[in-house]
Amino acid sequence: MEHSSRYFKNEACEYYPCHAVAPDADFNCLFCYCPLNRYTDCPGTPQYIERADGSRIKDCSACTFPHQPENYDRVIAFLVEKMK
């Protein structure tokens, strides 16, 4: 895949890969900071860590949903829907 407005892979980044992926994976760095993070109903696969006081913290460290190139349209559609 080429770098474009829909896909960017930055293997020179000191944090690449930020998730465990195969070395030859098409890993999209376009959403380096996940725009879905603030939503509890995001289409990804977050885990939740429960604190002693009962509050929960969203943990996306095992989620690669926004980094999969085929999910670009789903990420954008989800965000568009949230902006309505």
C-alpha atoms as a PDB file:
ATOM      1  CA  MET A   1       0.000   0.000   0.000  1.00  0.00           C
ATOM      2  CA  GLU A   2       1.226   3.481  -0.744  1.00  0.00           C
ATOM      3  CA  HIS A   3       1.177   6.449   1.589  1.00  0.00           C
ATOM      4  CA  SER A   4      -2.032   8.344   0.941  1.00  0.00           C
ATOM      5  CA  SER A   5      -4.799  10.225   2.702  1.00  0.00           C
ATOM      6  CA  ARG A   6      -6.161   6.821   3.787  1.00  0.00           C
ATOM      7  CA  TYR A   7      -2.969   4.999   4.757  1.00  0.00           C
ATOM      8  CA  PHE A   8       0.424   5.804   6.207  1.00  0.00           C
ATOM      9  CA  LYS A   9       3.003   3.460   7.668  1.00  0.00           C
ATOM     10  CA  ASN A  10       5.831   4.992   9.704  1.00  0.00           C
ATOM     11  CA  GLU A  11       8.369   2.294  10.477  1.00  0.00           C
ATOM     12  CA  ALA A  12      10.866   5.008  11.483  1.00  0.00           C
ATOM     13  CA  CYS A  13       8.715   5.975  14.475  1.00  0.00           C
ATOM     14  CA  GLU A  14      10.341   5.148  17.798  1.00  0.00           C
ATOM     15  CA  TYR A  15       7.055   3.556  18.925  1.00  0.00           C
ATOM     16  CA  TYR A  16       6.435   1.483  15.783  1.00  0.00           C
ATOM     17  CA  PRO A  17       4.770  -0.888  16.074  1.00  0.00           C
ATOM     18  CA  CYS A  18       2.653   0.336  18.963  1.00  0.00           C
ATOM     19  CA  HIS A  19       0.792  -2.992  18.971  1.00  0.00           C
ATOM     20  CA  ALA A  20       1.970  -6.556  18.458  1.00  0.00           C
ATOM     21  CA  VAL A  21       1.688  -7.204  14.707  1.00  0.00           C
ATOM     22  CA  ALA A  22       3.392  -9.398  12.150  1.00  0.00           C
ATOM     23  CA  PRO A  23       6.513  -7.732  10.679  1.00  0.00           C
ATOM     24  CA  ASP A  24       5.026  -7.648   7.177  1.00  0.00           C
ATOM     25  CA  ALA A  25       1.537  -6.505   8.274  1.00  0.00           C
ATOM     26  CA  ASP A  26      -0.203  -3.589   6.593  1.00  0.00           C
ATOM     27  CA  PHE A  27      -0.293  -1.453   9.716  1.00  0.00           C
ATOM     28  CA  ASN A  28      -1.934   1.945   9.266  1.00  0.00           C
ATOM     29  CA  CYS A  29      -0.297   4.658  11.371  1.00  0.00           C
ATOM     30  CA  LEU A  30      -2.756   7.280  10.132  1.00  0.00           C
ATOM     31  CA  PHE A  31      -4.749   7.020  13.352  1.00  0.00           C
ATOM     32  CA  CYS A  32      -1.681   6.996  15.588  1.00  0.00           C
ATOM     33  CA  TYR A  33      -3.767   8.422  18.394  1.00  0.00           C
ATOM     34  CA  CYS A  34      -7.034   6.570  18.092  1.00  0.00           C
ATOM     35  CA  PRO A  35      -9.954   8.920  17.406  1.00  0.00           C
ATOM     36  CA  LEU A  36     -12.278   6.240  18.797  1.00  0.00           C
ATOM     37  CA  ASN A  37     -10.667   6.212  22.228  1.00  0.00           C
ATOM     38  CA  ARG A  38     -13.192   8.540  23.848  1.00  0.00           C
ATOM     39  CA  TYR A  39     -16.186   6.408  22.823  1.00  0.00           C
ATOM     40  CA  THR A  40     -17.347   3.447  24.903  1.00  0.00           C
ATOM     41  CA  ASP A  41     -19.257   2.080  21.901  1.00  0.00           C
ATOM     42  CA  CYS A  42     -16.303   2.155  19.503  1.00  0.00           C
ATOM     43  CA  PRO A  43     -16.194  -0.680  16.951  1.00  0.00           C
ATOM     44  CA  GLY A  44     -12.790  -1.837  18.195  1.00  0.00           C
ATOM     45  CA  THR A  45     -11.994  -4.412  20.851  1.00  0.00           C
ATOM     46  CA  PRO A  46     -11.036  -2.501  23.997  1.00  0.00           C
ATOM     47  CA  GLN A  47     -10.644  -4.049  27.400  1.00  0.00           C
ATOM     48  CA  TYR A  48     -11.605  -2.290  30.612  1.00  0.00           C
ATOM     49  CA  ILE A  49      -9.578  -2.112  33.800  1.00  0.00           C
ATOM     50  CA  GLU A  50     -11.605  -1.718  36.950  1.00  0.00           C
ATOM     51  CA  ARG A  51     -10.143   0.418  39.701  1.00  0.00           C
ATOM     52  CA  ALA A  52     -10.563  -0.241  43.393  1.00  0.00           C
ATOM     53  CA  ASP A  53     -13.166   2.531  43.573  1.00  0.00           C
ATOM     54  CA  GLY A  54     -15.269   0.843  40.868  1.00  0.00           C
ATOM     55  CA  SER A  55     -14.420   3.282  38.056  1.00  0.00           C
ATOM     56  CA  ARG A  56     -13.235   1.831  34.783  1.00  0.00           C
ATOM     57  CA  ILE A  57     -10.365   2.763  32.476  1.00  0.00           C
ATOM     58  CA  LYS A  58     -10.516   1.911  28.781  1.00  0.00           C
ATOM     59  CA  ASP A  59      -7.460  -0.101  27.711  1.00  0.00           C
ATOM     60  CA  CYS A  60      -6.918  -0.191  23.942  1.00  0.00           C
ATOM     61  CA  SER A  61      -3.421  -1.657  24.039  1.00  0.00           C
ATOM     62  CA  ALA A  62      -4.542  -4.928  22.423  1.00  0.00           C
ATOM     63  CA  CYS A  63      -6.859  -3.306  19.856  1.00  0.00           C
ATOM     64  CA  THR A  64      -5.606  -2.859  16.298  1.00  0.00           C
ATOM     65  CA  PHE A  65      -8.943  -1.939  14.728  1.00  0.00           C
ATOM     66  CA  PRO A  66      -8.018   1.612  13.580  1.00  0.00           C
ATOM     67  CA  HIS A  67      -4.640   0.387  12.339  1.00  0.00           C
ATOM     68  CA  GLN A  68      -6.091  -2.165   9.924  1.00  0.00           C
ATOM     69  CA  PRO A  69      -6.226  -0.473   6.495  1.00  0.00           C
ATOM     70  CA  GLU A  70      -9.535  -2.122   5.613  1.00  0.00           C
ATOM     71  CA  ASN A  71     -11.198  -0.368   8.584  1.00  0.00           C
ATOM     72  CA  TYR A  72     -10.518   3.199   7.418  1.00  0.00           C
ATOM     73  CA  ASP A  73     -14.053   3.655   6.043  1.00  0.00           C
ATOM     74  CA  ARG A  74     -15.598   2.212   9.213  1.00  0.00           C
ATOM     75  CA  VAL A  75     -13.601   4.595  11.426  1.00  0.00           C
ATOM     76  CA  ILE A  76     -14.638   7.603   9.341  1.00  0.00           C
ATOM     77  CA  ALA A  77     -18.303   6.494   9.198  1.00  0.00           C
ATOM     78  CA  PHE A  78     -18.349   6.005  12.974  1.00  0.00           C
ATOM     79  CA  LEU A  79     -16.929   9.494  13.553  1.00  0.00           C
ATOM     80  CA  VAL A  80     -19.327  11.094  11.080  1.00  0.00           C
ATOM     81  CA  GLU A  81     -22.242   9.465  12.888  1.00  0.00           C
ATOM     82  CA  LYS A  82     -20.988  10.758  16.230  1.00  0.00           C
ATOM     83  CA  MET A  83     -20.818  14.316  14.869  1.00  0.00           C
ATOM     84  CA  LYS A  84     -24.501  14.376  13.903  1.00  0.00           C
END
